[in-house]
């Protein structure tokens, strides 16, 4: 081969070398172009995947934001409900205190009325005892006469314990 090369001139060798290099580089270009096309196809696929993911994330973000807004509204509503319940609780406490005070006043009134009723019953019992003693000092005819006389008196006593029927039925003391 060296002899053939020697016969060729420098220019021809250079052209041949250039042609070989062009062929080699053309093969590399084709290979690189194929790789570039594959890379571009992968890049387009990744770009479409990225766009799909971006859209998915955007949708999910919107969904999460709407849910967060709903949760915030619910929290606000619950906070308002809690404040309302707290104010109701405070009102009921105050009302309970007023009821306790009223209950104490009613208890004092009840005790006072019970004492008055007891005093009235004691006084009535004393009056009944005095009446029985007075009745015991008179005969049954006197008692009947006094009772009949009582019908005609303006300020007669209408107490059932001194009624006409009761006086006749009771034995003398």
N, C-alpha and C. Protein backbone atom coordinates (compact mmCIF):
# COMPACT_ATOMS: atom_id res chain seq x y z
N UNK A 1 0.79 -1.17 0.00
CA UNK A 1 0.00 0.00 0.00
C UNK A 1 0.85 1.26 0.00
N UNK A 2 1.95 1.11 0.50
CA UNK A 2 2.81 2.26 0.55
C UNK A 2 3.21 2.65 -0.87
N UNK A 3 3.39 1.67 -1.69
CA UNK A 3 3.78 1.98 -3.04
C UNK A 3 2.65 2.69 -3.78
N UNK A 4 1.44 2.27 -3.53
CA UNK A 4 0.32 2.95 -4.18
C UNK A 4 0.21 4.36 -3.67
N UNK A 5 0.44 4.50 -2.45
CA UNK A 5 0.33 5.82 -1.87
C UNK A 5 1.43 6.72 -2.43
N UNK A 6 2.52 6.09 -2.67
CA UNK A 6 3.63 6.88 -3.19
C UNK A 6 3.29 7.36 -4.60
N UNK A 7 2.60 6.50 -5.35
CA UNK A 7 2.26 6.89 -6.68
C UNK A 7 1.23 8.00 -6.66
N UNK A 8 0.37 7.97 -5.64
CA UNK A 8 -0.61 9.05 -5.53
C UNK A 8 0.11 10.28 -5.03
N UNK A 9 -0.43 11.34 -5.42
CA UNK A 9 0.21 12.55 -4.98
C UNK A 9 -0.31 12.98 -3.62
N UNK A 10 0.31 13.93 -3.21
CA UNK A 10 -0.03 14.44 -1.90
C UNK A 10 -1.46 14.91 -1.87
N UNK A 11 -1.89 15.51 -2.89
CA UNK A 11 -3.25 16.04 -2.96
C UNK A 11 -4.24 14.90 -2.91
N UNK A 12 -3.98 13.87 -3.64
CA UNK A 12 -4.90 12.74 -3.67
C UNK A 12 -4.93 12.07 -2.32
N UNK A 13 -3.77 11.94 -1.69
CA UNK A 13 -3.78 11.34 -0.36
C UNK A 13 -4.60 12.17 0.62
N UNK A 14 -4.43 13.43 0.48
CA UNK A 14 -5.15 14.31 1.36
C UNK A 14 -6.65 14.20 1.10
N UNK A 15 -7.06 14.12 -0.12
CA UNK A 15 -8.47 13.99 -0.46
C UNK A 15 -9.01 12.66 0.05
N UNK A 16 -8.22 11.62 -0.12
CA UNK A 16 -8.65 10.32 0.37
C UNK A 16 -8.78 10.34 1.89
N UNK A 17 -7.81 10.92 2.53
CA UNK A 17 -7.85 11.01 3.97
C UNK A 17 -9.05 11.83 4.41
N UNK A 18 -9.30 12.89 3.68
CA UNK A 18 -10.44 13.75 3.99
C UNK A 18 -11.72 12.99 3.77
N UNK A 19 -11.77 12.20 2.69
CA UNK A 19 -12.95 11.41 2.39
C UNK A 19 -13.20 10.37 3.49
N UNK A 20 -12.13 9.74 3.93
CA UNK A 20 -12.27 8.78 5.04
C UNK A 20 -12.78 9.47 6.29
N UNK A 21 -12.21 10.61 6.56
CA UNK A 21 -12.62 11.36 7.74
C UNK A 21 -14.07 11.79 7.59
N UNK A 22 -14.45 12.22 6.39
CA UNK A 22 -15.84 12.63 6.16
C UNK A 22 -16.74 11.43 6.37
N UNK A 23 -16.37 10.25 5.86
CA UNK A 23 -17.17 9.05 6.04
C UNK A 23 -17.28 8.69 7.53
N UNK A 24 -16.13 8.75 8.23
CA UNK A 24 -16.17 8.47 9.66
C UNK A 24 -17.05 9.46 10.40
N UNK A 25 -16.84 10.72 10.05
CA UNK A 25 -17.61 11.77 10.71
C UNK A 25 -19.09 11.68 10.32
N UNK A 26 -19.36 11.28 9.08
CA UNK A 26 -20.75 11.12 8.66
C UNK A 26 -21.40 10.02 9.48
N UNK A 27 -20.68 8.91 9.69
CA UNK A 27 -21.21 7.82 10.54
C UNK A 27 -21.46 8.32 11.97
N UNK A 28 -20.51 9.08 12.47
CA UNK A 28 -20.69 9.64 13.82
C UNK A 28 -21.86 10.61 13.86
N UNK A 29 -21.97 11.40 12.78
CA UNK A 29 -23.09 12.36 12.72
C UNK A 29 -24.40 11.62 12.72
N UNK A 30 -24.47 10.55 11.91
CA UNK A 30 -25.70 9.76 11.85
C UNK A 30 -26.00 9.18 13.22
N UNK A 31 -24.96 8.62 13.85
CA UNK A 31 -25.12 8.05 15.19
C UNK A 31 -25.55 9.13 16.18
N UNK A 32 -24.85 10.26 16.13
CA UNK A 32 -25.18 11.37 17.03
C UNK A 32 -26.58 11.92 16.74
N UNK A 33 -26.93 11.98 15.43
CA UNK A 33 -28.26 12.46 15.08
C UNK A 33 -29.32 11.50 15.61
N UNK A 34 -29.05 10.19 15.50
CA UNK A 34 -29.99 9.20 16.03
C UNK A 34 -30.10 9.36 17.55
N UNK A 35 -28.95 9.54 18.21
CA UNK A 35 -28.99 9.77 19.66
C UNK A 35 -29.72 11.06 19.99
N UNK A 36 -29.46 12.09 19.17
CA UNK A 36 -30.14 13.38 19.38
C UNK A 36 -31.64 13.22 19.20
N UNK A 37 -32.07 12.50 18.18
CA UNK A 37 -33.50 12.26 17.96
C UNK A 37 -34.10 11.48 19.13
N UNK A 38 -33.35 10.46 19.59
CA UNK A 38 -33.82 9.67 20.73
C UNK A 38 -33.91 10.55 21.97
N UNK A 39 -32.87 11.39 22.15
CA UNK A 39 -32.86 12.30 23.31
C UNK A 39 -34.01 13.30 23.21
N UNK A 40 -34.24 13.83 22.01
CA UNK A 40 -35.34 14.78 21.83
C UNK A 40 -36.69 14.10 22.08
N UNK A 41 -36.83 12.87 21.60
CA UNK A 41 -38.07 12.13 21.84
C UNK A 41 -38.25 11.89 23.33
N UNK A 42 -37.16 11.49 24.02
CA UNK A 42 -37.23 11.29 25.46
C UNK A 42 -37.53 12.61 26.16
N UNK A 43 -36.90 13.68 25.67
CA UNK A 43 -37.13 15.00 26.26
C UNK A 43 -38.58 15.43 26.06
N UNK A 44 -39.13 15.19 24.85
CA UNK A 44 -40.54 15.52 24.62
C UNK A 44 -41.45 14.68 25.52
N UNK A 45 -41.10 13.38 25.67
CA UNK A 45 -41.88 12.51 26.55
C UNK A 45 -41.80 13.01 27.99
N UNK A 46 -40.59 13.39 28.40
CA UNK A 46 -40.43 13.91 29.76
C UNK A 46 -41.14 15.26 29.92
N UNK A 47 -41.09 16.06 28.86
CA UNK A 47 -41.78 17.35 28.92
C UNK A 47 -43.29 17.14 29.03
N UNK A 48 -43.82 16.17 28.28
CA UNK A 48 -45.26 15.89 28.38
C UNK A 48 -45.59 15.31 29.74
N UNK A 49 -44.69 14.43 30.26
CA UNK A 49 -44.89 13.90 31.60
C UNK A 49 -44.83 15.02 32.63
N UNK A 50 -43.86 15.95 32.43
CA UNK A 50 -43.73 17.07 33.36
C UNK A 50 -44.98 17.95 33.29
N UNK A 51 -45.49 18.16 32.07
CA UNK A 51 -46.72 18.96 31.94
C UNK A 51 -47.89 18.26 32.60
N UNK A 52 -47.98 16.93 32.43
CA UNK A 52 -49.05 16.17 33.07
C UNK A 52 -48.92 16.23 34.58
N UNK A 53 -47.66 16.08 35.06
CA UNK A 53 -47.43 16.18 36.51
C UNK A 53 -47.75 17.58 37.03
N UNK A 54 -47.34 18.60 36.25
CA UNK A 54 -47.62 19.97 36.66
C UNK A 54 -49.13 20.20 36.74
N UNK A 55 -49.85 19.68 35.73
CA UNK A 55 -51.31 19.81 35.73
C UNK A 55 -51.92 19.05 36.91
N UNK A 56 -51.39 17.85 37.16
CA UNK A 56 -51.88 17.05 38.30
C UNK A 56 -51.61 17.78 39.61
N UNK A 57 -50.39 18.29 39.75
CA UNK A 57 -50.06 19.02 40.97
C UNK A 57 -50.88 20.29 41.11
N UNK A 58 -51.12 20.96 39.97
CA UNK A 58 -51.95 22.16 40.01
C UNK A 58 -53.37 21.80 40.45
N UNK A 59 -53.90 20.72 39.90
CA UNK A 59 -55.25 20.28 40.30
C UNK A 59 -55.28 19.90 41.78
N UNK A 60 -54.26 19.16 42.19
CA UNK A 60 -54.22 18.74 43.61
C UNK A 60 -54.02 19.94 44.52
N UNK A 61 -53.20 20.89 44.08
CA UNK A 61 -52.98 22.10 44.86
C UNK A 61 -54.29 22.87 45.00
N UNK A 62 -55.02 22.98 43.90
CA UNK A 62 -56.32 23.68 43.96
C UNK A 62 -57.27 22.93 44.88
N UNK A 63 -57.25 21.59 44.79
CA UNK A 63 -58.11 20.78 45.66
C UNK A 63 -57.72 20.95 47.12
N UNK A 64 -56.41 20.92 47.39
CA UNK A 64 -55.94 21.09 48.77
C UNK A 64 -56.25 22.49 49.29
N UNK A 65 -56.08 23.49 48.42
CA UNK A 65 -56.39 24.87 48.84
C UNK A 65 -57.88 25.02 49.12
N UNK A 66 -58.71 24.42 48.28
CA UNK A 66 -60.16 24.51 48.55
C UNK A 66 -60.52 23.77 49.82
N UNK A 67 -59.89 22.61 50.02
CA UNK A 67 -60.14 21.86 51.26
C UNK A 67 -59.64 22.64 52.47
N UNK A 68 -58.46 23.28 52.32
CA UNK A 68 -57.92 24.09 53.41
C UNK A 68 -58.86 25.26 53.70
N UNK A 69 -59.39 25.87 52.65
CA UNK A 69 -60.36 26.95 52.85
C UNK A 69 -61.60 26.46 53.57
N UNK A 70 -62.07 25.28 53.17
CA UNK A 70 -63.25 24.71 53.83
C UNK A 70 -62.95 24.40 55.29
N UNK A 71 -61.76 23.85 55.53
CA UNK A 71 -61.37 23.55 56.91
C UNK A 71 -61.20 24.82 57.75
N UNK A 72 -60.65 25.85 57.14
CA UNK A 72 -60.52 27.12 57.85
C UNK A 72 -61.89 27.69 58.18
N UNK A 73 -62.81 27.59 57.22
CA UNK A 73 -64.18 28.06 57.47
C UNK A 73 -64.82 27.25 58.58
N UNK A 74 -64.59 25.93 58.56
CA UNK A 74 -65.15 25.07 59.62
C UNK A 74 -64.53 25.41 60.97
N UNK A 75 -63.21 25.65 60.97
CA UNK A 75 -62.53 26.02 62.23
C UNK A 75 -63.09 27.34 62.74
N UNK A 76 -63.29 28.30 61.83
CA UNK A 76 -63.85 29.58 62.23
C UNK A 76 -65.26 29.39 62.77
N UNK A 77 -66.04 28.56 62.09
CA UNK A 77 -67.41 28.29 62.55
C UNK A 77 -67.39 27.62 63.92
N UNK A 78 -66.49 26.67 64.10
CA UNK A 78 -66.40 26.00 65.40
C UNK A 78 -65.91 26.95 66.48
N UNK A 79 -64.99 27.83 66.11
CA UNK A 79 -64.49 28.81 67.07
C UNK A 79 -65.63 29.74 67.50
N UNK A 80 -66.43 30.17 66.52
CA UNK A 80 -67.58 31.01 66.85
C UNK A 80 -68.58 30.26 67.72
N UNK A 81 -68.80 28.98 67.38
CA UNK A 81 -69.72 28.15 68.18
C UNK A 81 -69.18 27.98 69.59
N UNK A 82 -67.85 27.78 69.71
CA UNK A 82 -67.25 27.64 71.04
C UNK A 82 -67.39 28.93 71.84
N UNK A 83 -67.20 30.07 71.18
CA UNK A 83 -67.37 31.35 71.87
C UNK A 83 -68.82 31.53 72.30
N UNK A 84 -69.76 31.13 71.42
CA UNK A 84 -71.18 31.25 71.77
C UNK A 84 -71.51 30.34 72.95
N UNK A 85 -70.98 29.12 72.91
CA UNK A 85 -71.23 28.19 74.01
C UNK A 85 -70.59 28.69 75.31
N UNK A 86 -69.42 29.30 75.19
CA UNK A 86 -68.76 29.86 76.38
C UNK A 86 -69.58 31.00 76.96
N UNK A 87 -70.12 31.85 76.08
CA UNK A 87 -70.96 32.95 76.59
C UNK A 87 -72.26 32.40 77.18
N UNK A 88 -72.82 31.35 76.55
CA UNK A 88 -74.02 30.70 77.12
C UNK A 88 -73.70 30.10 78.48
N UNK A 89 -72.54 29.48 78.58
CA UNK A 89 -72.12 28.88 79.85
C UNK A 89 -71.97 29.95 80.92
N UNK A 90 -71.35 31.07 80.55
CA UNK A 90 -71.18 32.17 81.50
C UNK A 90 -72.54 32.73 81.91
N UNK A 91 -73.45 32.87 80.93
CA UNK A 91 -74.80 33.36 81.24
C UNK A 91 -75.51 32.41 82.19
N UNK A 92 -75.39 31.10 81.91
CA UNK A 92 -76.04 30.11 82.77
C UNK A 92 -75.42 30.09 84.17
N UNK A 93 -74.11 30.33 84.27
CA UNK A 93 -73.49 30.42 85.59
C UNK A 93 -74.05 31.60 86.37
N UNK A 94 -74.16 32.74 85.68
CA UNK A 94 -74.71 33.92 86.35
C UNK A 94 -76.16 33.66 86.76
N UNK A 95 -76.91 33.03 85.85
CA UNK A 95 -78.30 32.73 86.15
C UNK A 95 -78.39 31.74 87.32
N UNK A 96 -77.48 30.78 87.36
CA UNK A 96 -77.45 29.81 88.46
C UNK A 96 -77.16 30.52 89.78
N UNK A 97 -76.23 31.47 89.74
CA UNK A 97 -75.95 32.24 90.96
C UNK A 97 -77.19 33.03 91.40
N UNK A 98 -77.90 33.62 90.43
CA UNK A 98 -79.12 34.34 90.77
C UNK A 98 -80.17 33.39 91.34
N UNK A 99 -80.27 32.20 90.75
CA UNK A 99 -81.23 31.22 91.24
C UNK A 99 -80.86 30.79 92.66
N UNK A 100 -79.54 30.62 92.92
CA UNK A 100 -79.11 30.25 94.27
C UNK A 100 -79.48 31.33 95.27
N UNK A 101 -79.24 32.58 94.89
CA UNK A 101 -79.60 33.70 95.77
C UNK A 101 -81.11 33.71 95.99
N UNK A 102 -81.87 33.54 94.91
CA UNK A 102 -83.33 33.51 95.01
C UNK A 102 -83.78 32.34 95.88
N UNK A 103 -83.11 31.20 95.72
CA UNK A 103 -83.44 30.02 96.52
C UNK A 103 -83.20 30.30 97.99
N UNK A 104 -82.08 30.94 98.30
CA UNK A 104 -81.79 31.29 99.69
C UNK A 104 -82.84 32.24 100.25
N UNK A 105 -83.24 33.22 99.41
CA UNK A 105 -84.29 34.15 99.86
C UNK A 105 -85.60 33.41 100.08
N UNK A 106 -85.93 32.50 99.17
CA UNK A 106 -87.16 31.71 99.33
C UNK A 106 -87.08 30.83 100.58
N UNK A 107 -85.90 30.29 100.84
CA UNK A 107 -85.72 29.45 102.03
C UNK A 107 -85.93 30.29 103.29
N UNK A 108 -85.36 31.49 103.26
CA UNK A 108 -85.55 32.37 104.42
C UNK A 108 -87.03 32.73 104.58
N UNK A 109 -87.70 33.03 103.45
CA UNK A 109 -89.14 33.32 103.51
C UNK A 109 -89.91 32.11 104.00
N UNK A 110 -89.54 30.93 103.51
CA UNK A 110 -90.22 29.70 103.94
C UNK A 110 -90.02 29.49 105.44
N UNK A 111 -88.79 29.67 105.91
CA UNK A 111 -88.53 29.51 107.34
C UNK A 111 -89.33 30.53 108.16
N UNK A 112 -89.38 31.77 107.64
CA UNK A 112 -90.14 32.80 108.34
C UNK A 112 -91.63 32.44 108.37
N UNK A 113 -92.15 32.00 107.21
CA UNK A 113 -93.56 31.62 107.14
C UNK A 113 -93.84 30.40 108.01
N UNK A 114 -92.90 29.45 108.02
CA UNK A 114 -93.08 28.27 108.86
C UNK A 114 -93.13 28.68 110.33
N UNK A 115 -92.27 29.62 110.73
CA UNK A 115 -92.28 30.11 112.11
C UNK A 115 -93.59 30.83 112.41
N UNK A 116 -94.05 31.63 111.45
CA UNK A 116 -95.33 32.33 111.65
C UNK A 116 -96.48 31.33 111.77
N UNK A 117 -96.48 30.32 110.89
CA UNK A 117 -97.55 29.30 110.93
C UNK A 117 -97.50 28.57 112.27
N UNK A 118 -96.29 28.26 112.72
CA UNK A 118 -96.15 27.57 114.00
C UNK A 118 -96.69 28.45 115.12
N UNK A 119 -96.36 29.75 115.09
CA UNK A 119 -96.86 30.67 116.11
C UNK A 119 -98.38 30.77 116.05
N UNK A 120 -98.92 30.78 114.81
CA UNK A 120 -100.38 30.84 114.65
C UNK A 120 -101.01 29.56 115.18
N UNK A 121 -100.42 28.42 114.90
CA UNK A 121 -100.96 27.15 115.39
C UNK A 121 -100.91 27.08 116.92
N UNK A 122 -99.79 27.57 117.47
CA UNK A 122 -99.68 27.59 118.93
C UNK A 122 -100.75 28.50 119.52
N UNK A 123 -100.93 29.68 118.90
CA UNK A 123 -101.96 30.61 119.39
C UNK A 123 -103.35 29.99 119.24
N UNK A 124 -103.59 29.34 118.13
CA UNK A 124 -104.88 28.69 117.91
C UNK A 124 -105.10 27.56 118.94
N UNK A 125 -104.04 26.80 119.17
CA UNK A 125 -104.15 25.73 120.17
C UNK A 125 -104.46 26.32 121.54
N UNK A 126 -103.82 27.42 121.88
CA UNK A 126 -104.11 28.08 123.17
C UNK A 126 -105.56 28.54 123.20
N UNK A 127 -106.01 29.11 122.08
CA UNK A 127 -107.41 29.56 122.00
C UNK A 127 -108.37 28.38 122.15
N UNK A 128 -108.00 27.25 121.46
CA UNK A 128 -108.84 26.06 121.58
C UNK A 128 -108.86 25.54 123.02
N UNK A 129 -107.70 25.56 123.65
CA UNK A 129 -107.64 25.11 125.05
C UNK A 129 -108.50 26.02 125.92
N UNK A 130 -108.36 27.34 125.70
CA UNK A 130 -109.16 28.28 126.49
C UNK A 130 -110.64 28.08 126.21
N UNK A 131 -111.00 27.82 124.93
CA UNK A 131 -112.40 27.61 124.58
C UNK A 131 -112.92 26.35 125.25
N UNK A 132 -112.10 25.29 125.21
CA UNK A 132 -112.53 24.05 125.86
C UNK A 132 -112.69 24.25 127.37
N UNK A 133 -111.81 25.00 127.93
CA UNK A 133 -111.94 25.28 129.37
C UNK A 133 -113.20 26.08 129.63
N UNK A 134 -113.47 27.05 128.75
CA UNK A 134 -114.69 27.85 128.92
C UNK A 134 -115.91 26.97 128.73
N UNK A 135 -115.87 26.08 127.76
CA UNK A 135 -116.99 25.18 127.51
C UNK A 135 -117.15 24.22 128.69
N UNK A 136 -116.07 23.79 129.23
CA UNK A 136 -116.12 22.86 130.34
C UNK A 136 -116.74 23.46 131.59
N UNK A 137 -116.66 24.79 131.70
CA UNK A 137 -117.22 25.45 132.88
C UNK A 137 -118.72 25.66 132.76
N UNK A 138 -119.25 25.43 131.58
CA UNK A 138 -120.70 25.64 131.42
C UNK A 138 -121.38 24.31 131.12
N UNK A 139 -122.63 24.24 131.39
CA UNK A 139 -123.40 23.02 131.18
C UNK A 139 -123.76 22.89 129.71
N UNK A 140 -124.21 21.68 129.31
CA UNK A 140 -124.58 21.54 127.91
C UNK A 140 -125.68 22.49 127.50
N UNK A 141 -126.64 22.77 128.38
CA UNK A 141 -127.71 23.71 128.03
C UNK A 141 -127.18 25.12 127.86
N UNK A 142 -126.21 25.49 128.68
CA UNK A 142 -125.62 26.82 128.58
C UNK A 142 -124.85 26.94 127.26
N UNK A 143 -124.18 25.87 126.94
CA UNK A 143 -123.40 25.88 125.69
C UNK A 143 -124.33 26.02 124.48
N UNK A 144 -125.46 25.29 124.52
CA UNK A 144 -126.43 25.39 123.42
C UNK A 144 -126.98 26.81 123.35
N UNK A 145 -127.29 27.38 124.48
CA UNK A 145 -127.83 28.72 124.52
C UNK A 145 -126.82 29.73 123.97
N UNK A 146 -125.56 29.58 124.37
CA UNK A 146 -124.51 30.49 123.88
C UNK A 146 -124.31 30.34 122.37
N UNK A 147 -124.44 29.12 121.94
CA UNK A 147 -124.26 28.90 120.49
C UNK A 147 -125.43 29.49 119.72
N UNK A 148 -126.63 29.31 120.19
CA UNK A 148 -127.80 29.89 119.53
C UNK A 148 -127.72 31.40 119.60
N UNK A 149 -127.27 31.90 120.72
CA UNK A 149 -127.11 33.35 120.87
C UNK A 149 -126.06 33.85 119.87
N UNK A 150 -125.09 33.02 119.60
CA UNK A 150 -124.03 33.41 118.65
C UNK A 150 -124.55 33.58 117.24
N UNK A 151 -125.64 32.87 116.88
CA UNK A 151 -126.20 33.04 115.55
C UNK A 151 -126.74 34.44 115.36
N UNK A 152 -127.20 35.04 116.42
CA UNK A 152 -127.82 36.36 116.32
C UNK A 152 -126.84 37.48 116.58
N UNK A 153 -125.65 37.13 117.08
CA UNK A 153 -124.64 38.16 117.30
C UNK A 153 -123.97 38.54 115.98
N UNK A 154 -123.64 39.82 115.88
CA UNK A 154 -123.05 40.30 114.65
C UNK A 154 -121.61 39.80 114.48
N UNK A 155 -120.89 39.72 115.53
CA UNK A 155 -119.47 39.33 115.45
C UNK A 155 -119.31 37.87 115.90
N UNK A 156 -120.10 37.00 115.34
CA UNK A 156 -120.06 35.60 115.75
C UNK A 156 -118.77 34.93 115.27
N UNK A 157 -118.42 33.88 115.92
CA UNK A 157 -117.21 33.13 115.61
C UNK A 157 -117.59 31.97 114.71
N UNK A 158 -116.99 31.88 113.53
CA UNK A 158 -117.30 30.82 112.57
C UNK A 158 -116.26 29.71 112.58
N UNK A 159 -115.51 29.60 113.61
CA UNK A 159 -114.49 28.55 113.61
C UNK A 159 -115.16 27.20 113.72
N UNK A 160 -114.71 26.20 112.94
CA UNK A 160 -115.35 24.89 112.96
C UNK A 160 -115.17 24.16 114.28
N UNK A 161 -114.13 24.50 115.02
CA UNK A 161 -113.91 23.79 116.29
C UNK A 161 -115.00 24.15 117.30
N UNK A 162 -115.63 25.32 117.15
CA UNK A 162 -116.69 25.73 118.07
C UNK A 162 -118.06 25.65 117.42
N UNK A 163 -118.21 24.84 116.39
CA UNK A 163 -119.49 24.71 115.70
C UNK A 163 -120.56 24.10 116.60
N UNK A 164 -121.82 24.38 116.29
CA UNK A 164 -122.95 23.93 117.10
C UNK A 164 -123.00 22.42 117.20
N UNK A 165 -122.83 21.73 116.07
CA UNK A 165 -122.88 20.27 116.08
C UNK A 165 -121.75 19.68 116.91
N UNK A 166 -120.61 20.29 116.84
CA UNK A 166 -119.46 19.78 117.59
C UNK A 166 -119.64 19.96 119.08
N UNK A 167 -120.26 21.05 119.44
CA UNK A 167 -120.44 21.31 120.88
C UNK A 167 -121.40 20.30 121.49
N UNK A 168 -122.43 19.90 120.78
CA UNK A 168 -123.40 18.97 121.33
C UNK A 168 -122.83 17.56 121.41
N UNK A 169 -121.93 17.21 120.53
CA UNK A 169 -121.38 15.86 120.50
C UNK A 169 -120.26 15.66 121.51
N UNK A 170 -119.57 16.71 121.87
CA UNK A 170 -118.43 16.56 122.75
C UNK A 170 -118.88 16.29 124.18
N UNK A 171 -118.21 15.39 124.86
CA UNK A 171 -118.54 15.17 126.26
C UNK A 171 -117.98 16.33 127.10
N UNK A 172 -118.56 16.59 128.22
CA UNK A 172 -118.03 17.68 129.06
C UNK A 172 -116.62 17.36 129.53
N UNK A 173 -115.83 18.34 129.71
CA UNK A 173 -114.43 18.10 130.13
C UNK A 173 -114.35 17.71 131.61
